[in-house]
PDB file of all heavy atoms in Angstrom:
ATOM      1  N   LYS A   1      -1.079 -90.095 -43.269  1.00  0.00           N
ATOM      2  CA  LYS A   1       0.060 -90.829 -43.825  1.00  0.00           C
ATOM      3  C   LYS A   1       1.093 -91.170 -42.753  1.00  0.00           C
ATOM      4  O   LYS A   1       2.220 -91.538 -43.067  1.00  0.00           O
ATOM      5  CB  LYS A   1       0.726 -90.007 -44.929  1.00  0.00           C
ATOM      6  CG  LYS A   1      -0.204 -89.643 -46.082  1.00  0.00           C
ATOM      7  CD  LYS A   1      -0.747 -90.873 -46.773  1.00  0.00           C
ATOM      8  CE  LYS A   1      -1.601 -90.475 -47.969  1.00  0.00           C
ATOM      9  NZ  LYS A   1      -2.192 -91.661 -48.648  1.00  0.00           N
ATOM     10  N   ASN A   2       0.698 -91.024 -41.463  1.00  0.00           N
ATOM     11  CA  ASN A   2       1.563 -91.344 -40.325  1.00  0.00           C
ATOM     12  C   ASN A   2       2.819 -90.478 -40.300  1.00  0.00           C
ATOM     13  O   ASN A   2       3.918 -90.951 -40.005  1.00  0.00           O
ATOM     14  CB  ASN A   2       1.955 -92.826 -40.333  1.00  0.00           C
ATOM     15  CG  ASN A   2       2.271 -93.329 -38.928  1.00  0.00           C
ATOM     16  OD1 ASN A   2       1.748 -92.801 -37.953  1.00  0.00           O
ATOM     17  ND2 ASN A   2       3.126 -94.323 -38.821  1.00  0.00           N
ATOM     18  N   VAL A   3       2.631 -89.195 -40.588  1.00  0.00           N
ATOM     19  CA  VAL A   3       3.712 -88.214 -40.510  1.00  0.00           C
ATOM     20  C   VAL A   3       3.383 -87.252 -39.371  1.00  0.00           C
ATOM     21  O   VAL A   3       2.273 -86.716 -39.311  1.00  0.00           O
ATOM     22  CB  VAL A   3       3.855 -87.435 -41.838  1.00  0.00           C
ATOM     23  CG1 VAL A   3       4.937 -86.368 -41.721  1.00  0.00           C
ATOM     24  CG2 VAL A   3       4.199 -88.396 -42.974  1.00  0.00           C
ATOM     25  N   GLU A   4       4.337 -87.050 -38.473  1.00  0.00           N
ATOM     26  CA  GLU A   4       4.126 -86.133 -37.352  1.00  0.00           C
ATOM     27  C   GLU A   4       4.524 -84.723 -37.771  1.00  0.00           C
ATOM     28  O   GLU A   4       5.648 -84.488 -38.200  1.00  0.00           O
ATOM     29  CB  GLU A   4       4.920 -86.574 -36.131  1.00  0.00           C
ATOM     30  CG  GLU A   4       4.622 -85.731 -34.893  1.00  0.00           C
ATOM     31  CD  GLU A   4       5.249 -86.291 -33.638  1.00  0.00           C
ATOM     32  OE1 GLU A   4       4.805 -87.369 -33.186  1.00  0.00           O
ATOM     33  OE2 GLU A   4       6.187 -85.663 -33.112  1.00  0.00           O
ATOM     34  N   VAL A   5       3.599 -83.787 -37.612  1.00  0.00           N
ATOM     35  CA  VAL A   5       3.806 -82.396 -38.000  1.00  0.00           C
ATOM     36  C   VAL A   5       3.763 -81.539 -36.739  1.00  0.00           C
ATOM     37  O   VAL A   5       2.836 -81.645 -35.934  1.00  0.00           O
ATOM     38  CB  VAL A   5       2.725 -81.922 -38.997  1.00  0.00           C
ATOM     39  CG1 VAL A   5       2.976 -80.483 -39.404  1.00  0.00           C
ATOM     40  CG2 VAL A   5       2.702 -82.834 -40.220  1.00  0.00           C
ATOM     41  N   THR A   6       4.790 -80.703 -36.555  1.00  0.00           N
ATOM     42  CA  THR A   6       4.871 -79.793 -35.419  1.00  0.00           C
ATOM     43  C   THR A   6       4.517 -78.383 -35.892  1.00  0.00           C
ATOM     44  O   THR A   6       5.154 -77.858 -36.802  1.00  0.00           O
ATOM     45  CB  THR A   6       6.277 -79.811 -34.804  1.00  0.00           C
ATOM     46  OG1 THR A   6       6.596 -81.151 -34.382  1.00  0.00           O
ATOM     47  CG2 THR A   6       6.358 -78.883 -33.611  1.00  0.00           C
ATOM     48  N   ILE A   7       3.501 -77.794 -35.266  1.00  0.00           N
ATOM     49  CA  ILE A   7       2.999 -76.480 -35.672  1.00  0.00           C
ATOM     50  C   ILE A   7       3.142 -75.519 -34.495  1.00  0.00           C
ATOM     51  O   ILE A   7       2.673 -75.822 -33.394  1.00  0.00           O
ATOM     52  CB  ILE A   7       1.529 -76.560 -36.111  1.00  0.00           C
ATOM     53  CG1 ILE A   7       1.345 -77.627 -37.198  1.00  0.00           C
ATOM     54  CG2 ILE A   7       1.030 -75.209 -36.596  1.00  0.00           C
ATOM     55  CD1 ILE A   7      -0.092 -77.844 -37.607  1.00  0.00           C
ATOM     56  N   PRO A   8       3.783 -74.372 -34.675  1.00  0.00           N
ATOM     57  CA  PRO A   8       3.868 -73.383 -33.581  1.00  0.00           C
ATOM     58  C   PRO A   8       2.475 -72.884 -33.196  1.00  0.00           C
ATOM     59  O   PRO A   8       1.581 -72.726 -34.037  1.00  0.00           O
ATOM     60  CB  PRO A   8       4.728 -72.264 -34.175  1.00  0.00           C
ATOM     61  CG  PRO A   8       5.456 -72.891 -35.320  1.00  0.00           C
ATOM     62  CD  PRO A   8       4.551 -73.951 -35.864  1.00  0.00           C
ATOM     63  N   ASN A   9       2.301 -72.645 -31.915  1.00  0.00           N
ATOM     64  CA  ASN A   9       0.985 -72.223 -31.425  1.00  0.00           C
ATOM     65  C   ASN A   9       0.570 -70.865 -31.966  1.00  0.00           C
ATOM     66  O   ASN A   9      -0.619 -70.606 -32.153  1.00  0.00           O
ATOM     67  CB  ASN A   9       0.987 -72.194 -29.895  1.00  0.00           C
ATOM     68  CG  ASN A   9       0.930 -73.593 -29.303  1.00  0.00           C
ATOM     69  OD1 ASN A   9       0.416 -74.514 -29.926  1.00  0.00           O
ATOM     70  ND2 ASN A   9       1.471 -73.752 -28.125  1.00  0.00           N
ATOM     71  N   SER A  10       1.537 -69.978 -32.225  1.00  0.00           N
ATOM     72  CA  SER A  10       1.179 -68.667 -32.771  1.00  0.00           C
ATOM     73  C   SER A  10       0.575 -68.801 -34.168  1.00  0.00           C
ATOM     74  O   SER A  10      -0.342 -68.050 -34.526  1.00  0.00           O
ATOM     75  CB  SER A  10       2.412 -67.762 -32.813  1.00  0.00           C
ATOM     76  OG  SER A  10       3.447 -68.348 -33.599  1.00  0.00           O
ATOM     77  N   ALA A  11       1.061 -69.760 -34.969  1.00  0.00           N
ATOM     78  CA  ALA A  11       0.484 -69.991 -36.291  1.00  0.00           C
ATOM     79  C   ALA A  11      -0.931 -70.560 -36.190  1.00  0.00           C
ATOM     80  O   ALA A  11      -1.798 -70.259 -37.014  1.00  0.00           O
ATOM     81  CB  ALA A  11       1.379 -70.926 -37.104  1.00  0.00           C
ATOM     82  N   ILE A  12      -1.181 -71.381 -35.181  1.00  0.00           N
ATOM     83  CA  ILE A  12      -2.521 -71.950 -35.001  1.00  0.00           C
ATOM     84  C   ILE A  12      -3.511 -70.870 -34.581  1.00  0.00           C
ATOM     85  O   ILE A  12      -4.637 -70.796 -35.087  1.00  0.00           O
ATOM     86  CB  ILE A  12      -2.474 -73.077 -33.952  1.00  0.00           C
ATOM     87  CG1 ILE A  12      -1.539 -74.193 -34.419  1.00  0.00           C
ATOM     88  CG2 ILE A  12      -3.855 -73.632 -33.682  1.00  0.00           C
ATOM     89  CD1 ILE A  12      -1.359 -75.303 -33.406  1.00  0.00           C
ATOM     90  N   LEU A  13      -3.077 -70.014 -33.647  1.00  0.00           N
ATOM     91  CA  LEU A  13      -3.980 -68.979 -33.140  1.00  0.00           C
ATOM     92  C   LEU A  13      -4.336 -67.969 -34.223  1.00  0.00           C
ATOM     93  O   LEU A  13      -5.441 -67.414 -34.215  1.00  0.00           O
ATOM     94  CB  LEU A  13      -3.323 -68.272 -31.947  1.00  0.00           C
ATOM     95  CG  LEU A  13      -4.195 -67.263 -31.198  1.00  0.00           C
ATOM     96  CD1 LEU A  13      -5.402 -67.959 -30.582  1.00  0.00           C
ATOM     97  CD2 LEU A  13      -3.391 -66.556 -30.118  1.00  0.00           C
ATOM     98  N   GLY A  14      -3.436 -67.725 -35.170  1.00  0.00           N
ATOM     99  CA  GLY A  14      -3.701 -66.748 -36.217  1.00  0.00           C
ATOM    100  C   GLY A  14      -4.385 -67.318 -37.433  1.00  0.00           C
ATOM    101  O   GLY A  14      -4.605 -66.585 -38.409  1.00  0.00           O
ATOM    102  N   GLY A  15      -4.737 -68.601 -37.439  1.00  0.00           N
ATOM    103  CA  GLY A  15      -5.371 -69.213 -38.602  1.00  0.00           C
ATOM    104  C   GLY A  15      -6.699 -69.853 -38.248  1.00  0.00           C
ATOM    105  O   GLY A  15      -7.251 -69.672 -37.155  1.00  0.00           O
ATOM    106  N   GLN A  16      -7.213 -70.615 -39.202  1.00  0.00           N
ATOM    107  CA  GLN A  16      -8.504 -71.282 -39.050  1.00  0.00           C
ATOM    108  C   GLN A  16      -8.288 -72.716 -38.572  1.00  0.00           C
ATOM    109  O   GLN A  16      -7.370 -73.407 -39.022  1.00  0.00           O
ATOM    110  CB  GLN A  16      -9.255 -71.273 -40.378  1.00  0.00           C
ATOM    111  CG  GLN A  16     -10.693 -71.787 -40.292  1.00  0.00           C
ATOM    112  CD  GLN A  16     -11.360 -71.819 -41.658  1.00  0.00           C
ATOM    113  OE1 GLN A  16     -10.801 -72.351 -42.614  1.00  0.00           O
ATOM    114  NE2 GLN A  16     -12.531 -71.228 -41.757  1.00  0.00           N
ATOM    115  N   ILE A  17      -9.150 -73.155 -37.665  1.00  0.00           N
ATOM    116  CA  ILE A  17      -9.068 -74.507 -37.109  1.00  0.00           C
ATOM    117  C   ILE A  17     -10.380 -75.226 -37.404  1.00  0.00           C
ATOM    118  O   ILE A  17     -11.459 -74.730 -37.054  1.00  0.00           O
ATOM    119  CB  ILE A  17      -8.815 -74.476 -35.593  1.00  0.00           C
ATOM    120  CG1 ILE A  17      -7.559 -73.670 -35.260  1.00  0.00           C
ATOM    121  CG2 ILE A  17      -8.700 -75.889 -35.034  1.00  0.00           C
ATOM    122  CD1 ILE A  17      -7.356 -73.452 -33.776  1.00  0.00           C
ATOM    123  N   LEU A  18     -10.290 -76.365 -38.049  1.00  0.00           N
ATOM    124  CA  LEU A  18     -11.460 -77.217 -38.294  1.00  0.00           C
ATOM    125  C   LEU A  18     -11.333 -78.455 -37.410  1.00  0.00           C
ATOM    126  O   LEU A  18     -10.379 -79.222 -37.534  1.00  0.00           O
ATOM    127  CB  LEU A  18     -11.541 -77.632 -39.763  1.00  0.00           C
ATOM    128  CG  LEU A  18     -11.652 -76.499 -40.796  1.00  0.00           C
ATOM    129  CD1 LEU A  18     -11.752 -77.086 -42.201  1.00  0.00           C
ATOM    130  CD2 LEU A  18     -12.851 -75.621 -40.505  1.00  0.00           C
ATOM    131  N   ASP A  19     -12.297 -78.646 -36.509  1.00  0.00           N
ATOM    132  CA  ASP A  19     -12.304 -79.794 -35.609  1.00  0.00           C
ATOM    133  C   ASP A  19     -13.426 -80.738 -36.048  1.00  0.00           C
ATOM    134  O   ASP A  19     -14.612 -80.450 -35.865  1.00  0.00           O
ATOM    135  CB  ASP A  19     -12.511 -79.339 -34.161  1.00  0.00           C
ATOM    136  CG  ASP A  19     -12.259 -80.472 -33.167  1.00  0.00           C
ATOM    137  OD1 ASP A  19     -12.157 -81.630 -33.605  1.00  0.00           O
ATOM    138  OD2 ASP A  19     -12.156 -80.185 -31.955  1.00  0.00           O
ATOM    139  N   TYR A  20     -13.038 -81.875 -36.628  1.00  0.00           N
ATOM    140  CA  TYR A  20     -14.032 -82.834 -37.105  1.00  0.00           C
ATOM    141  C   TYR A  20     -14.610 -83.677 -35.974  1.00  0.00           C
ATOM    142  O   TYR A  20     -15.643 -84.329 -36.154  1.00  0.00           O
ATOM    143  CB  TYR A  20     -13.406 -83.756 -38.152  1.00  0.00           C
ATOM    144  CG  TYR A  20     -12.898 -83.041 -39.380  1.00  0.00           C
ATOM    145  CD1 TYR A  20     -11.546 -82.830 -39.580  1.00  0.00           C
ATOM    146  CD2 TYR A  20     -13.773 -82.559 -40.342  1.00  0.00           C
ATOM    147  CE1 TYR A  20     -11.068 -82.169 -40.700  1.00  0.00           C
ATOM    148  CE2 TYR A  20     -13.319 -81.898 -41.473  1.00  0.00           C
ATOM    149  CZ  TYR A  20     -11.958 -81.703 -41.646  1.00  0.00           C
ATOM    150  OH  TYR A  20     -11.494 -81.046 -42.756  1.00  0.00           O
ATOM    151  N   SER A  21     -13.949 -83.699 -34.813  1.00  0.00           N
ATOM    152  CA  SER A  21     -14.371 -84.576 -33.714  1.00  0.00           C
ATOM    153  C   SER A  21     -15.219 -83.866 -32.670  1.00  0.00           C
ATOM    154  O   SER A  21     -15.714 -84.525 -31.755  1.00  0.00           O
ATOM    155  CB  SER A  21     -13.128 -85.169 -33.029  1.00  0.00           C
ATOM    156  OG  SER A  21     -12.307 -85.861 -33.940  1.00  0.00           O
ATOM    157  N   ALA A  22     -15.369 -82.550 -32.755  1.00  0.00           N
ATOM    158  CA  ALA A  22     -16.022 -81.798 -31.686  1.00  0.00           C
ATOM    159  C   ALA A  22     -17.463 -82.260 -31.471  1.00  0.00           C
ATOM    160  O   ALA A  22     -17.903 -82.452 -30.337  1.00  0.00           O
ATOM    161  CB  ALA A  22     -15.976 -80.300 -31.997  1.00  0.00           C
ATOM    162  N   LEU A  23     -18.235 -82.453 -32.546  1.00  0.00           N
ATOM    163  CA  LEU A  23     -19.650 -82.810 -32.441  1.00  0.00           C
ATOM    164  C   LEU A  23     -19.938 -84.217 -32.928  1.00  0.00           C
ATOM    165  O   LEU A  23     -21.109 -84.604 -33.028  1.00  0.00           O
ATOM    166  CB  LEU A  23     -20.504 -81.814 -33.235  1.00  0.00           C
ATOM    167  CG  LEU A  23     -20.348 -80.330 -32.856  1.00  0.00           C
ATOM    168  CD1 LEU A  23     -21.182 -79.466 -33.785  1.00  0.00           C
ATOM    169  CD2 LEU A  23     -20.739 -80.099 -31.413  1.00  0.00           C
ATOM    170  N   ALA A  24     -18.898 -84.981 -33.229  1.00  0.00           N
ATOM    171  CA  ALA A  24     -19.105 -86.285 -33.860  1.00  0.00           C
ATOM    172  C   ALA A  24     -19.823 -87.256 -32.938  1.00  0.00           C
ATOM    173  O   ALA A  24     -20.699 -88.017 -33.381  1.00  0.00           O
ATOM    174  CB  ALA A  24     -17.765 -86.878 -34.301  1.00  0.00           C
ATOM    175  N   GLN A  25     -19.503 -87.270 -31.645  1.00  0.00           N
ATOM    176  CA  GLN A  25     -20.101 -88.239 -30.745  1.00  0.00           C
ATOM    177  C   GLN A  25     -21.537 -87.877 -30.376  1.00  0.00           C
ATOM    178  O   GLN A  25     -22.372 -88.759 -30.176  1.00  0.00           O
ATOM    179  CB  GLN A  25     -19.249 -88.357 -29.474  1.00  0.00           C
ATOM    180  CG  GLN A  25     -17.831 -88.845 -29.720  1.00  0.00           C
ATOM    181  CD  GLN A  25     -17.809 -90.222 -30.350  1.00  0.00           C
ATOM    182  OE1 GLN A  25     -18.646 -91.075 -30.042  1.00  0.00           O
ATOM    183  NE2 GLN A  25     -16.867 -90.448 -31.257  1.00  0.00           N
ATOM    184  N   ARG A  26     -21.846 -86.580 -30.279  1.00  0.00           N
ATOM    185  CA  ARG A  26     -23.191 -86.171 -29.863  1.00  0.00           C
ATOM    186  C   ARG A  26     -24.147 -86.031 -31.046  1.00  0.00           C
ATOM    187  O   ARG A  26     -25.284 -86.500 -30.987  1.00  0.00           O
ATOM    188  CB  ARG A  26     -23.117 -84.845 -29.098  1.00  0.00           C
ATOM    189  CG  ARG A  26     -22.286 -84.916 -27.833  1.00  0.00           C
ATOM    190  CD  ARG A  26     -22.485 -83.662 -26.977  1.00  0.00           C
ATOM    191  NE  ARG A  26     -22.132 -82.452 -27.712  1.00  0.00           N
ATOM    192  CZ  ARG A  26     -20.911 -81.928 -27.717  1.00  0.00           C
ATOM    193  NH1 ARG A  26     -19.934 -82.524 -27.054  1.00  0.00           N
ATOM    194  NH2 ARG A  26     -20.646 -80.818 -28.382  1.00  0.00           N
ATOM    195  N   GLN A  27     -23.715 -85.384 -32.114  1.00  0.00           N
ATOM    196  CA  GLN A  27     -24.605 -85.112 -33.240  1.00  0.00           C
ATOM    197  C   GLN A  27     -24.186 -85.812 -34.526  1.00  0.00           C
ATOM    198  O   GLN A  27     -24.980 -85.882 -35.461  1.00  0.00           O
ATOM    199  CB  GLN A  27     -24.663 -83.599 -33.491  1.00  0.00           C
ATOM    200  CG  GLN A  27     -25.114 -82.808 -32.281  1.00  0.00           C
ATOM    201  CD  GLN A  27     -25.111 -81.313 -32.543  1.00  0.00           C
ATOM    202  OE1 GLN A  27     -25.009 -80.872 -33.687  1.00  0.00           O
ATOM    203  NE2 GLN A  27     -25.201 -80.516 -31.484  1.00  0.00           N
ATOM    204  N   GLY A  28     -22.955 -86.285 -34.583  1.00  0.00           N
ATOM    205  CA  GLY A  28     -22.481 -86.947 -35.787  1.00  0.00           C
ATOM    206  C   GLY A  28     -21.817 -85.974 -36.743  1.00  0.00           C
ATOM    207  O   GLY A  28     -22.268 -84.828 -36.902  1.00  0.00           O
ATOM    208  N   LEU A  29     -20.763 -86.430 -37.393  1.00  0.00           N
ATOM    209  CA  LEU A  29     -20.081 -85.651 -38.421  1.00  0.00           C
ATOM    210  C   LEU A  29     -20.658 -86.005 -39.787  1.00  0.00           C
ATOM    211  O   LEU A  29     -20.803 -87.186 -40.114  1.00  0.00           O
ATOM    212  CB  LEU A  29     -18.575 -85.945 -38.384  1.00  0.00           C
ATOM    213  CG  LEU A  29     -17.732 -85.350 -39.512  1.00  0.00           C
ATOM    214  CD1 LEU A  29     -17.695 -83.829 -39.406  1.00  0.00           C
ATOM    215  CD2 LEU A  29     -16.324 -85.930 -39.498  1.00  0.00           C
ATOM    216  N   ILE A  30     -20.998 -84.993 -40.582  1.00  0.00           N
ATOM    217  CA  ILE A  30     -21.583 -85.224 -41.905  1.00  0.00           C
ATOM    218  C   ILE A  30     -20.466 -85.303 -42.939  1.00  0.00           C
ATOM    219  O   ILE A  30     -19.729 -84.339 -43.146  1.00  0.00           O
ATOM    220  CB  ILE A  30     -22.570 -84.105 -42.277  1.00  0.00           C
ATOM    221  CG1 ILE A  30     -23.732 -84.080 -41.287  1.00  0.00           C
ATOM    222  CG2 ILE A  30     -23.089 -84.308 -43.699  1.00  0.00           C
ATOM    223  CD1 ILE A  30     -24.756 -83.004 -41.582  1.00  0.00           C
ATOM    224  N   LEU A  31     -20.349 -86.452 -43.574  1.00  0.00           N
ATOM    225  CA  LEU A  31     -19.447 -86.639 -44.711  1.00  0.00           C
ATOM    226  C   LEU A  31     -20.266 -86.471 -45.993  1.00  0.00           C
ATOM    227  O   LEU A  31     -21.389 -86.983 -46.086  1.00  0.00           O
ATOM    228  CB  LEU A  31     -18.805 -88.019 -44.663  1.00  0.00           C
ATOM    229  CG  LEU A  31     -18.028 -88.370 -43.386  1.00  0.00           C
ATOM    230  CD1 LEU A  31     -17.425 -89.755 -43.508  1.00  0.00           C
ATOM    231  CD2 LEU A  31     -16.964 -87.337 -43.095  1.00  0.00           C
ATOM    232  N   HIS A  32     -19.711 -85.791 -46.969  1.00  0.00           N
ATOM    233  CA  HIS A  32     -20.486 -85.522 -48.184  1.00  0.00           C
ATOM    234  C   HIS A  32     -19.577 -85.622 -49.404  1.00  0.00           C
ATOM    235  O   HIS A  32     -18.379 -85.324 -49.352  1.00  0.00           O
ATOM    236  CB  HIS A  32     -21.110 -84.123 -48.128  1.00  0.00           C
ATOM    237  CG  HIS A  32     -20.096 -83.029 -47.937  1.00  0.00           C
ATOM    238  ND1 HIS A  32     -19.466 -82.402 -48.986  1.00  0.00           N
ATOM    239  CD2 HIS A  32     -19.603 -82.468 -46.804  1.00  0.00           C
ATOM    240  CE1 HIS A  32     -18.635 -81.495 -48.520  1.00  0.00           C
ATOM    241  NE2 HIS A  32     -18.688 -81.510 -47.204  1.00  0.00           N
ATOM    242  N   THR A  33     -20.175 -86.072 -50.493  1.00  0.00           N
ATOM    243  CA  THR A  33     -19.485 -86.131 -51.772  1.00  0.00           C
ATOM    244  C   THR A  33     -20.511 -85.930 -52.879  1.00  0.00           C
ATOM    245  O   THR A  33     -21.714 -86.168 -52.679  1.00  0.00           O
ATOM    246  CB  THR A  33     -18.755 -87.474 -51.938  1.00  0.00           C
ATOM    247  OG1 THR A  33     -17.948 -87.448 -53.114  1.00  0.00           O
ATOM    248  CG2 THR A  33     -19.738 -88.630 -52.046  1.00  0.00           C
TER     249      THR A  33
END
């Protein structure tokens, strides 16, 4: 929605991170519904 969100690094390190772009170029990202 074009909103910039600032997240402290300590909150990122203590939580879960989902990276949709990590394997998209080599293996492709699977979209499902």
